[in-house]
């Protein structure tokens, strides 16, 4: 019984990771908008040494914005506003290099 419990816990963790990284094939209409925010901020230097997006820094930036909530909690309209703000951050960053 304990072995089954461990397997169930491992499967729940694996499914959680798949969902977190958008690998479940679900069609969330806001997913594209979130990816645009991430892309703009990555181009603005929110990047890890390995070239991947620095999601911890991106989430921190998102929380400081107008709506004060995590990226995945934003509505479609709020995400549009975040995209605009992230574009401005990117433009400012690129103007400095």
PDB file of N, CA and C in Angstrom:
ATOM      1  N   UNK A   1       0.821  -1.204   0.000  1.00  0.00           N
ATOM      2  CA  UNK A   1       0.000   0.000   0.000  1.00  0.00           C
ATOM      3  C   UNK A   1       0.859   1.260   0.000  1.00  0.00           C
ATOM      4  N   UNK A   2       1.945   1.245   0.752  1.00  0.00           N
ATOM      5  CA  UNK A   2       2.840   2.415   0.794  1.00  0.00           C
ATOM      6  C   UNK A   2       3.481   2.655  -0.574  1.00  0.00           C
ATOM      7  N   UNK A   3       3.844   1.573  -1.258  1.00  0.00           N
ATOM      8  CA  UNK A   3       4.453   1.684  -2.585  1.00  0.00           C
ATOM      9  C   UNK A   3       3.493   2.354  -3.559  1.00  0.00           C
ATOM     10  N   UNK A   4       2.202   1.964  -3.514  1.00  0.00           N
ATOM     11  CA  UNK A   4       1.200   2.579  -4.388  1.00  0.00           C
ATOM     12  C   UNK A   4       1.046   4.057  -4.081  1.00  0.00           C
ATOM     13  N   UNK A   5       1.106   4.392  -2.814  1.00  0.00           N
ATOM     14  CA  UNK A   5       0.997   5.787  -2.407  1.00  0.00           C
ATOM     15  C   UNK A   5       2.163   6.604  -2.961  1.00  0.00           C
ATOM     16  N   UNK A   6       3.359   6.031  -2.927  1.00  0.00           N
ATOM     17  CA  UNK A   6       4.535   6.711  -3.469  1.00  0.00           C
ATOM     18  C   UNK A   6       4.407   6.904  -4.969  1.00  0.00           C
ATOM     19  N   UNK A   7       3.908   5.905  -5.651  1.00  0.00           N
ATOM     20  CA  UNK A   7       3.711   6.007  -7.101  1.00  0.00           C
ATOM     21  C   UNK A   7       2.678   7.087  -7.411  1.00  0.00           C
ATOM     22  N   UNK A   8       1.574   7.097  -6.662  1.00  0.00           N
ATOM     23  CA  UNK A   8       0.536   8.101  -6.882  1.00  0.00           C
ATOM     24  C   UNK A   8       1.087   9.507  -6.661  1.00  0.00           C
ATOM     25  N   UNK A   9       1.892   9.677  -5.619  1.00  0.00           N
ATOM     26  CA  UNK A   9       2.487  10.978  -5.335  1.00  0.00           C
ATOM     27  C   UNK A   9       3.430  11.392  -6.458  1.00  0.00           C
ATOM     28  N   UNK A  10       4.227  10.462  -6.949  1.00  0.00           N
ATOM     29  CA  UNK A  10       5.154  10.758  -8.041  1.00  0.00           C
ATOM     30  C   UNK A  10       4.391  11.133  -9.312  1.00  0.00           C
ATOM     31  N   UNK A  11       3.302  10.434  -9.588  1.00  0.00           N
ATOM     32  CA  UNK A  11       2.500  10.740 -10.778  1.00  0.00           C
ATOM     33  C   UNK A  11       1.842  12.119 -10.657  1.00  0.00           C
ATOM     34  N   UNK A  12       1.325  12.435  -9.474  1.00  0.00           N
ATOM     35  CA  UNK A  12       0.731  13.753  -9.269  1.00  0.00           C
ATOM     36  C   UNK A  12       1.773  14.847  -9.485  1.00  0.00           C
ATOM     37  N   UNK A  13       2.984  14.618  -9.001  1.00  0.00           N
ATOM     38  CA  UNK A  13       4.063  15.591  -9.177  1.00  0.00           C
ATOM     39  C   UNK A  13       4.396  15.747 -10.663  1.00  0.00           C
ATOM     40  N   UNK A  14       4.507  14.629 -11.363  1.00  0.00           N
ATOM     41  CA  UNK A  14       4.833  14.672 -12.793  1.00  0.00           C
ATOM     42  C   UNK A  14       3.753  15.400 -13.579  1.00  0.00           C
ATOM     43  N   UNK A  15       2.492  15.139 -13.261  1.00  0.00           N
ATOM     44  CA  UNK A  15       1.388  15.814 -13.951  1.00  0.00           C
ATOM     45  C   UNK A  15       1.431  17.304 -13.657  1.00  0.00           C
ATOM     46  N   UNK A  16       1.718  17.656 -12.397  1.00  0.00           N
ATOM     47  CA  UNK A  16       1.839  19.065 -12.032  1.00  0.00           C
ATOM     48  C   UNK A  16       2.916  19.767 -12.837  1.00  0.00           C
ATOM     49  N   UNK A  17       4.048  19.090 -13.044  1.00  0.00           N
ATOM     50  CA  UNK A  17       5.130  19.673 -13.838  1.00  0.00           C
ATOM     51  C   UNK A  17       4.707  19.843 -15.292  1.00  0.00           C
ATOM     52  N   UNK A  18       4.035  18.855 -15.838  1.00  0.00           N
ATOM     53  CA  UNK A  18       3.569  18.947 -17.222  1.00  0.00           C
ATOM     54  C   UNK A  18       2.616  20.130 -17.389  1.00  0.00           C
ATOM     55  N   UNK A  19       1.719  20.295 -16.445  1.00  0.00           N
ATOM     56  CA  UNK A  19       0.777  21.412 -16.499  1.00  0.00           C
ATOM     57  C   UNK A  19       1.525  22.732 -16.361  1.00  0.00           C
ATOM     58  N   UNK A  20       2.453  22.795 -15.389  1.00  0.00           N
ATOM     59  CA  UNK A  20       3.195  24.033 -15.134  1.00  0.00           C
ATOM     60  C   UNK A  20       3.992  24.478 -16.351  1.00  0.00           C
ATOM     61  N   UNK A  21       4.516  23.534 -17.103  1.00  0.00           N
ATOM     62  CA  UNK A  21       5.330  23.886 -18.265  1.00  0.00           C
ATOM     63  C   UNK A  21       4.524  23.869 -19.567  1.00  0.00           C
ATOM     64  N   UNK A  22       3.206  23.753 -19.448  1.00  0.00           N
ATOM     65  CA  UNK A  22       2.340  23.839 -20.625  1.00  0.00           C
ATOM     66  C   UNK A  22       2.488  22.693 -21.592  1.00  0.00           C
ATOM     67  N   UNK A  23       2.783  21.499 -21.076  1.00  0.00           N
ATOM     68  CA  UNK A  23       3.026  20.358 -21.948  1.00  0.00           C
ATOM     69  C   UNK A  23       1.858  19.370 -21.973  1.00  0.00           C
ATOM     70  N   UNK A  24       0.686  19.819 -21.554  1.00  0.00           N
ATOM     71  CA  UNK A  24      -0.462  18.919 -21.474  1.00  0.00           C
ATOM     72  C   UNK A  24      -1.327  18.954 -22.722  1.00  0.00           C
ATOM     73  N   UNK A  25      -1.048  19.887 -23.602  1.00  0.00           N
ATOM     74  CA  UNK A  25      -1.851  19.990 -24.811  1.00  0.00           C
ATOM     75  C   UNK A  25      -3.170  20.721 -24.584  1.00  0.00           C
ATOM     76  N   UNK A  26      -3.326  21.310 -23.412  1.00  0.00           N
ATOM     77  CA  UNK A  26      -4.555  22.058 -23.157  1.00  0.00           C
ATOM     78  C   UNK A  26      -4.533  23.324 -24.008  1.00  0.00           C
ATOM     79  N   UNK A  27      -5.711  23.807 -24.337  1.00  0.00           N
ATOM     80  CA  UNK A  27      -5.776  24.992 -25.186  1.00  0.00           C
ATOM     81  C   UNK A  27      -6.266  26.185 -24.361  1.00  0.00           C
ATOM     82  N   UNK A  28      -5.407  26.748 -23.578  1.00  0.00           N
ATOM     83  CA  UNK A  28      -5.724  27.937 -22.802  1.00  0.00           C
ATOM     84  C   UNK A  28      -5.556  29.128 -23.737  1.00  0.00           C
ATOM     85  N   UNK A  29      -6.622  29.884 -23.970  1.00  0.00           N
ATOM     86  CA  UNK A  29      -6.524  31.003 -24.911  1.00  0.00           C
ATOM     87  C   UNK A  29      -5.544  32.092 -24.456  1.00  0.00           C
ATOM     88  N   UNK A  30      -5.267  32.165 -23.173  1.00  0.00           N
ATOM     89  CA  UNK A  30      -4.342  33.181 -22.672  1.00  0.00           C
ATOM     90  C   UNK A  30      -2.889  32.734 -22.705  1.00  0.00           C
ATOM     91  N   UNK A  31      -2.656  31.481 -23.059  1.00  0.00           N
ATOM     92  CA  UNK A  31      -1.296  30.947 -23.062  1.00  0.00           C
ATOM     93  C   UNK A  31      -0.380  31.731 -24.003  1.00  0.00           C
ATOM     94  N   UNK A  32      -0.882  32.062 -25.183  1.00  0.00           N
ATOM     95  CA  UNK A  32      -0.072  32.838 -26.143  1.00  0.00           C
ATOM     96  C   UNK A  32       0.318  34.187 -25.576  1.00  0.00           C
ATOM     97  N   UNK A  33      -0.617  34.820 -24.882  1.00  0.00           N
ATOM     98  CA  UNK A  33      -0.334  36.130 -24.301  1.00  0.00           C
ATOM     99  C   UNK A  33       0.712  36.019 -23.200  1.00  0.00           C
ATOM    100  N   UNK A  34       0.600  35.010 -22.360  1.00  0.00           N
ATOM    101  CA  UNK A  34       1.609  34.821 -21.311  1.00  0.00           C
ATOM    102  C   UNK A  34       2.988  34.593 -21.935  1.00  0.00           C
ATOM    103  N   UNK A  35       3.023  33.799 -22.995  1.00  0.00           N
ATOM    104  CA  UNK A  35       4.300  33.532 -23.664  1.00  0.00           C
ATOM    105  C   UNK A  35       4.880  34.802 -24.278  1.00  0.00           C
ATOM    106  N   UNK A  36       4.021  35.698 -24.752  1.00  0.00           N
ATOM    107  CA  UNK A  36       4.517  36.975 -25.307  1.00  0.00           C
ATOM    108  C   UNK A  36       5.141  37.827 -24.214  1.00  0.00           C
ATOM    109  N   UNK A  37       4.500  37.861 -23.031  1.00  0.00           N
ATOM    110  CA  UNK A  37       5.069  38.602 -21.902  1.00  0.00           C
ATOM    111  C   UNK A  37       6.447  38.040 -21.577  1.00  0.00           C
ATOM    112  N   UNK A  38       6.529  36.725 -21.461  1.00  0.00           N
ATOM    113  CA  UNK A  38       7.793  36.069 -21.131  1.00  0.00           C
ATOM    114  C   UNK A  38       8.838  36.360 -22.194  1.00  0.00           C
ATOM    115  N   UNK A  39       8.458  36.277 -23.457  1.00  0.00           N
ATOM    116  CA  UNK A  39       9.386  36.518 -24.553  1.00  0.00           C
ATOM    117  C   UNK A  39       9.938  37.941 -24.534  1.00  0.00           C
ATOM    118  N   UNK A  40       9.050  38.919 -24.349  1.00  0.00           N
ATOM    119  CA  UNK A  40       9.505  40.313 -24.301  1.00  0.00           C
ATOM    120  C   UNK A  40      10.479  40.533 -23.147  1.00  0.00           C
ATOM    121  N   UNK A  41      10.156  39.987 -21.988  1.00  0.00           N
ATOM    122  CA  UNK A  41      11.023  40.197 -20.826  1.00  0.00           C
ATOM    123  C   UNK A  41      12.340  39.441 -20.969  1.00  0.00           C
ATOM    124  N   UNK A  42      12.287  38.289 -21.592  1.00  0.00           N
ATOM    125  CA  UNK A  42      13.527  37.546 -21.842  1.00  0.00           C
ATOM    126  C   UNK A  42      14.443  38.373 -22.739  1.00  0.00           C
ATOM    127  N   UNK A  43      13.867  39.001 -23.763  1.00  0.00           N
ATOM    128  CA  UNK A  43      14.652  39.860 -24.667  1.00  0.00           C
ATOM    129  C   UNK A  43      15.160  41.104 -23.949  1.00  0.00           C
ATOM    130  N   UNK A  44      14.515  41.436 -22.809  1.00  0.00           N
ATOM    131  CA  UNK A  44      14.932  42.606 -22.022  1.00  0.00           C
ATOM    132  C   UNK A  44      15.937  42.214 -20.945  1.00  0.00           C
ATOM    133  N   UNK A  45      16.457  41.005 -21.029  1.00  0.00           N
ATOM    134  CA  UNK A  45      17.505  40.600 -20.105  1.00  0.00           C
ATOM    135  C   UNK A  45      17.056  39.724 -18.947  1.00  0.00           C
ATOM    136  N   UNK A  46      15.787  39.396 -18.868  1.00  0.00           N
ATOM    137  CA  UNK A  46      15.292  38.504 -17.815  1.00  0.00           C
ATOM    138  C   UNK A  46      15.592  37.066 -18.237  1.00  0.00           C
ATOM    139  N   UNK A  47      16.881  36.737 -18.162  1.00  0.00           N
ATOM    140  CA  UNK A  47      17.354  35.471 -18.701  1.00  0.00           C
ATOM    141  C   UNK A  47      18.373  34.850 -17.747  1.00  0.00           C
ATOM    142  N   UNK A  48      18.345  33.527 -17.672  1.00  0.00           N
ATOM    143  CA  UNK A  48      19.324  32.794 -16.880  1.00  0.00           C
ATOM    144  C   UNK A  48      20.597  32.599 -17.706  1.00  0.00           C
ATOM    145  N   UNK A  49      21.707  32.280 -17.050  1.00  0.00           N
ATOM    146  CA  UNK A  49      22.962  32.078 -17.784  1.00  0.00           C
ATOM    147  C   UNK A  49      22.866  31.013 -18.892  1.00  0.00           C
ATOM    148  N   UNK A  50      21.933  30.057 -18.727  1.00  0.00           N
ATOM    149  CA  UNK A  50      21.787  29.009 -19.745  1.00  0.00           C
ATOM    150  C   UNK A  50      20.904  29.435 -20.918  1.00  0.00           C
ATOM    151  N   UNK A  51      20.435  30.703 -20.906  1.00  0.00           N
ATOM    152  CA  UNK A  51      19.643  31.220 -22.008  1.00  0.00           C
ATOM    153  C   UNK A  51      18.142  31.068 -21.850  1.00  0.00           C
ATOM    154  N   UNK A  52      17.710  30.415 -20.799  1.00  0.00           N
ATOM    155  CA  UNK A  52      16.273  30.248 -20.561  1.00  0.00           C
ATOM    156  C   UNK A  52      15.721  31.480 -19.853  1.00  0.00           C
ATOM    157  N   UNK A  53      14.418  31.664 -19.951  1.00  0.00           N
ATOM    158  CA  UNK A  53      13.757  32.785 -19.272  1.00  0.00           C
ATOM    159  C   UNK A  53      13.908  32.633 -17.764  1.00  0.00           C
ATOM    160  N   UNK A  54      14.194  33.733 -17.101  1.00  0.00           N
ATOM    161  CA  UNK A  54      14.307  33.732 -15.635  1.00  0.00           C
ATOM    162  C   UNK A  54      12.908  33.933 -15.066  1.00  0.00           C
ATOM    163  N   UNK A  55      12.195  32.823 -14.896  1.00  0.00           N
ATOM    164  CA  UNK A  55      10.792  32.899 -14.492  1.00  0.00           C
ATOM    165  C   UNK A  55      10.617  33.488 -13.097  1.00  0.00           C
ATOM    166  N   UNK A  56      11.596  33.295 -12.227  1.00  0.00           N
ATOM    167  CA  UNK A  56      11.488  33.884 -10.892  1.00  0.00           C
ATOM    168  C   UNK A  56      11.513  35.416 -10.994  1.00  0.00           C
ATOM    169  N   UNK A  57      12.426  35.945 -11.791  1.00  0.00           N
ATOM    170  CA  UNK A  57      12.514  37.395 -11.975  1.00  0.00           C
ATOM    171  C   UNK A  57      11.291  37.919 -12.731  1.00  0.00           C
ATOM    172  N   UNK A  58      10.816  37.159 -13.705  1.00  0.00           N
ATOM    173  CA  UNK A  58       9.639  37.573 -14.469  1.00  0.00           C
ATOM    174  C   UNK A  58       8.410  37.631 -13.570  1.00  0.00           C
ATOM    175  N   UNK A  59       8.219  36.607 -12.747  1.00  0.00           N
ATOM    176  CA  UNK A  59       7.079  36.612 -11.816  1.00  0.00           C
ATOM    177  C   UNK A  59       7.180  37.796 -10.860  1.00  0.00           C
ATOM    178  N   UNK A  60       8.386  38.103 -10.397  1.00  0.00           N
ATOM    179  CA  UNK A  60       8.574  39.247  -9.492  1.00  0.00           C
ATOM    180  C   UNK A  60       8.177  40.541 -10.202  1.00  0.00           C
ATOM    181  N   UNK A  61       8.581  40.682 -11.470  1.00  0.00           N
ATOM    182  CA  UNK A  61       8.217  41.876 -12.251  1.00  0.00           C
ATOM    183  C   UNK A  61       6.695  41.958 -12.406  1.00  0.00           C
ATOM    184  N   UNK A  62       6.077  40.829 -12.762  1.00  0.00           N
ATOM    185  CA  UNK A  62       4.627  40.791 -12.974  1.00  0.00           C
ATOM    186  C   UNK A  62       3.885  41.199 -11.696  1.00  0.00           C
ATOM    187  N   UNK A  63       4.337  40.703 -10.559  1.00  0.00           N
ATOM    188  CA  UNK A  63       3.677  41.027  -9.287  1.00  0.00           C
ATOM    189  C   UNK A  63       3.746  42.513  -8.956  1.00  0.00           C
ATOM    190  N   UNK A  64       4.754  43.203  -9.462  1.00  0.00           N
ATOM    191  CA  UNK A  64       4.913  44.636  -9.191  1.00  0.00           C
ATOM    192  C   UNK A  64       4.063  45.502 -10.117  1.00  0.00           C
ATOM    193  N   UNK A  65       3.433  44.889 -11.108  1.00  0.00           N
ATOM    194  CA  UNK A  65       2.658  45.657 -12.071  1.00  0.00           C
ATOM    195  C   UNK A  65       1.276  46.002 -11.519  1.00  0.00           C
ATOM    196  N   UNK A  66       0.503  46.692 -12.308  1.00  0.00           N
ATOM    197  CA  UNK A  66      -0.793  47.275 -11.937  1.00  0.00           C
ATOM    198  C   UNK A  66      -1.712  46.333 -11.142  1.00  0.00           C
ATOM    199  N   UNK A  67      -1.830  45.098 -11.570  1.00  0.00           N
ATOM    200  CA  UNK A  67      -2.819  44.202 -10.967  1.00  0.00           C
ATOM    201  C   UNK A  67      -2.274  43.413  -9.775  1.00  0.00           C
ATOM    202  N   UNK A  68      -0.950  43.375  -9.602  1.00  0.00           N
ATOM    203  CA  UNK A  68      -0.341  42.744  -8.442  1.00  0.00           C
ATOM    204  C   UNK A  68      -0.671  41.281  -8.238  1.00  0.00           C
ATOM    205  N   UNK A  69      -0.731  40.541  -9.339  1.00  0.00           N
ATOM    206  CA  UNK A  69      -0.976  39.102  -9.190  1.00  0.00           C
ATOM    207  C   UNK A  69      -0.066  38.308 -10.115  1.00  0.00           C
ATOM    208  N   UNK A  70      -0.018  37.017  -9.868  1.00  0.00           N
ATOM    209  CA  UNK A  70       0.879  36.148 -10.635  1.00  0.00           C
ATOM    210  C   UNK A  70       0.456  36.100 -12.106  1.00  0.00           C
ATOM    211  N   UNK A  71       1.401  35.769 -12.949  1.00  0.00           N
ATOM    212  CA  UNK A  71       1.170  35.763 -14.399  1.00  0.00           C
ATOM    213  C   UNK A  71      -0.045  34.930 -14.773  1.00  0.00           C
ATOM    214  N   UNK A  72      -0.154  33.735 -14.245  1.00  0.00           N
ATOM    215  CA  UNK A  72      -1.252  32.844 -14.622  1.00  0.00           C
ATOM    216  C   UNK A  72      -2.608  33.286 -14.098  1.00  0.00           C
ATOM    217  N   UNK A  73      -2.644  34.264 -13.206  1.00  0.00           N
ATOM    218  CA  UNK A  73      -3.912  34.715 -12.628  1.00  0.00           C
ATOM    219  C   UNK A  73      -4.548  35.865 -13.408  1.00  0.00           C
ATOM    220  N   UNK A  74      -3.859  36.393 -14.396  1.00  0.00           N
ATOM    221  CA  UNK A  74      -4.363  37.542 -15.146  1.00  0.00           C
ATOM    222  C   UNK A  74      -5.425  37.150 -16.170  1.00  0.00           C
ATOM    223  N   UNK A  75      -6.379  38.049 -16.361  1.00  0.00           N
ATOM    224  CA  UNK A  75      -7.395  37.866 -17.403  1.00  0.00           C
ATOM    225  C   UNK A  75      -6.772  38.206 -18.759  1.00  0.00           C
ATOM    226  N   UNK A  76      -7.516  37.943 -19.798  1.00  0.00           N
ATOM    227  CA  UNK A  76      -7.039  38.250 -21.149  1.00  0.00           C
ATOM    228  C   UNK A  76      -6.727  39.740 -21.297  1.00  0.00           C
ATOM    229  N   UNK A  77      -7.628  40.590 -20.823  1.00  0.00           N
ATOM    230  CA  UNK A  77      -7.414  42.041 -20.912  1.00  0.00           C
ATOM    231  C   UNK A  77      -6.187  42.461 -20.108  1.00  0.00           C
ATOM    232  N   UNK A  78      -6.039  41.920 -18.916  1.00  0.00           N
ATOM    233  CA  UNK A  78      -4.878  42.256 -18.074  1.00  0.00           C
ATOM    234  C   UNK A  78      -3.583  41.792 -18.729  1.00  0.00           C
ATOM    235  N   UNK A  79      -3.635  40.637 -19.383  1.00  0.00           N
ATOM    236  CA  UNK A  79      -2.446  40.140 -20.084  1.00  0.00           C
ATOM    237  C   UNK A  79      -2.080  41.066 -21.237  1.00  0.00           C
ATOM    238  N   UNK A  80      -3.082  41.612 -21.913  1.00  0.00           N
ATOM    239  CA  UNK A  80      -2.804  42.571 -22.988  1.00  0.00           C
ATOM    240  C   UNK A  80      -2.059  43.785 -22.427  1.00  0.00           C
ATOM    241  N   UNK A  81      -2.473  44.229 -21.253  1.00  0.00           N
ATOM    242  CA  UNK A  81      -1.794  45.351 -20.606  1.00  0.00           C
ATOM    243  C   UNK A  81      -0.356  44.973 -20.220  1.00  0.00           C
ATOM    244  N   UNK A  82      -0.173  43.747 -19.749  1.00  0.00           N
ATOM    245  CA  UNK A  82       1.172  43.285 -19.394  1.00  0.00           C
ATOM    246  C   UNK A  82       2.070  43.198 -20.625  1.00  0.00           C
ATOM    247  N   UNK A  83       1.497  42.745 -21.736  1.00  0.00           N
ATOM    248  CA  UNK A  83       2.268  42.667 -22.984  1.00  0.00           C
ATOM    249  C   UNK A  83       2.776  44.056 -23.345  1.00  0.00           C
ATOM    250  N   UNK A  84       1.900  45.034 -23.276  1.00  0.00           N
ATOM    251  CA  UNK A  84       2.278  46.413 -23.603  1.00  0.00           C
ATOM    252  C   UNK A  84       3.404  46.886 -22.669  1.00  0.00           C
ATOM    253  N   UNK A  85       3.250  46.641 -21.377  1.00  0.00           N
ATOM    254  CA  UNK A  85       4.268  47.057 -20.407  1.00  0.00           C
ATOM    255  C   UNK A  85       5.589  46.333 -20.651  1.00  0.00           C
ATOM    256  N   UNK A  86       5.517  45.037 -20.958  1.00  0.00           N
ATOM    257  CA  UNK A  86       6.733  44.262 -21.215  1.00  0.00           C
ATOM    258  C   UNK A  86       7.429  44.745 -22.487  1.00  0.00           C
ATOM    259  N   UNK A  87       6.646  45.134 -23.495  1.00  0.00           N
ATOM    260  CA  UNK A  87       7.231  45.693 -24.722  1.00  0.00           C
ATOM    261  C   UNK A  87       7.997  46.970 -24.408  1.00  0.00           C
ATOM    262  N   UNK A  88       7.444  47.803 -23.537  1.00  0.00           N
ATOM    263  CA  UNK A  88       8.116  49.050 -23.147  1.00  0.00           C
ATOM    264  C   UNK A  88       9.424  48.759 -22.421  1.00  0.00           C
ATOM    265  N   UNK A  89       9.410  47.759 -21.543  1.00  0.00           N
ATOM    266  CA  UNK A  89      10.630  47.361 -20.829  1.00  0.00           C
ATOM    267  C   UNK A  89      11.679  46.894 -21.830  1.00  0.00           C
ATOM    268  N   UNK A  90      11.246  46.093 -22.797  1.00  0.00           N
ATOM    269  CA  UNK A  90      12.169  45.582 -23.816  1.00  0.00           C
ATOM    270  C   UNK A  90      12.750  46.736 -24.645  1.00  0.00           C
ATOM    271  N   UNK A  91      11.885  47.658 -25.072  1.00  0.00           N
ATOM    272  CA  UNK A  91      12.349  48.790 -25.869  1.00  0.00           C
ATOM    273  C   UNK A  91      13.382  49.615 -25.090  1.00  0.00           C
ATOM    274  N   UNK A  92      13.108  49.862 -23.821  1.00  0.00           N
ATOM    275  CA  UNK A  92      14.024  50.628 -22.992  1.00  0.00           C
ATOM    276  C   UNK A  92      15.375  49.905 -22.855  1.00  0.00           C
ATOM    277  N   UNK A  93      15.284  48.588 -22.621  1.00  0.00           N
ATOM    278  CA  UNK A  93      16.504  47.771 -22.480  1.00  0.00           C
ATOM    279  C   UNK A  93      17.329  47.810 -23.769  1.00  0.00           C
ATOM    280  N   UNK A  94      16.656  47.627 -24.901  1.00  0.00           N
ATOM    281  CA  UNK A  94      17.369  47.587 -26.180  1.00  0.00           C
ATOM    282  C   UNK A  94      17.944  48.963 -26.558  1.00  0.00           C
ATOM    283  N   UNK A  95      17.323  50.021 -26.091  1.00  0.00           N
ATOM    284  CA  UNK A  95      17.842  51.364 -26.403  1.00  0.00           C
ATOM    285  C   UNK A  95      19.136  51.640 -25.636  1.00  0.00           C
ATOM    286  N   UNK A  96      19.391  50.882 -24.585  1.00  0.00           N
ATOM    287  CA  UNK A  96      20.576  51.100 -23.752  1.00  0.00           C
ATOM    288  C   UNK A  96      21.793  50.310 -24.238  1.00  0.00           C
ATOM    289  N   UNK A  97      21.576  49.379 -25.175  1.00  0.00           N
ATOM    290  CA  UNK A  97      22.724  48.582 -25.637  1.00  0.00           C
ATOM    291  C   UNK A  97      23.161  48.973 -27.037  1.00  0.00           C
TER     292      UNK A  97
END
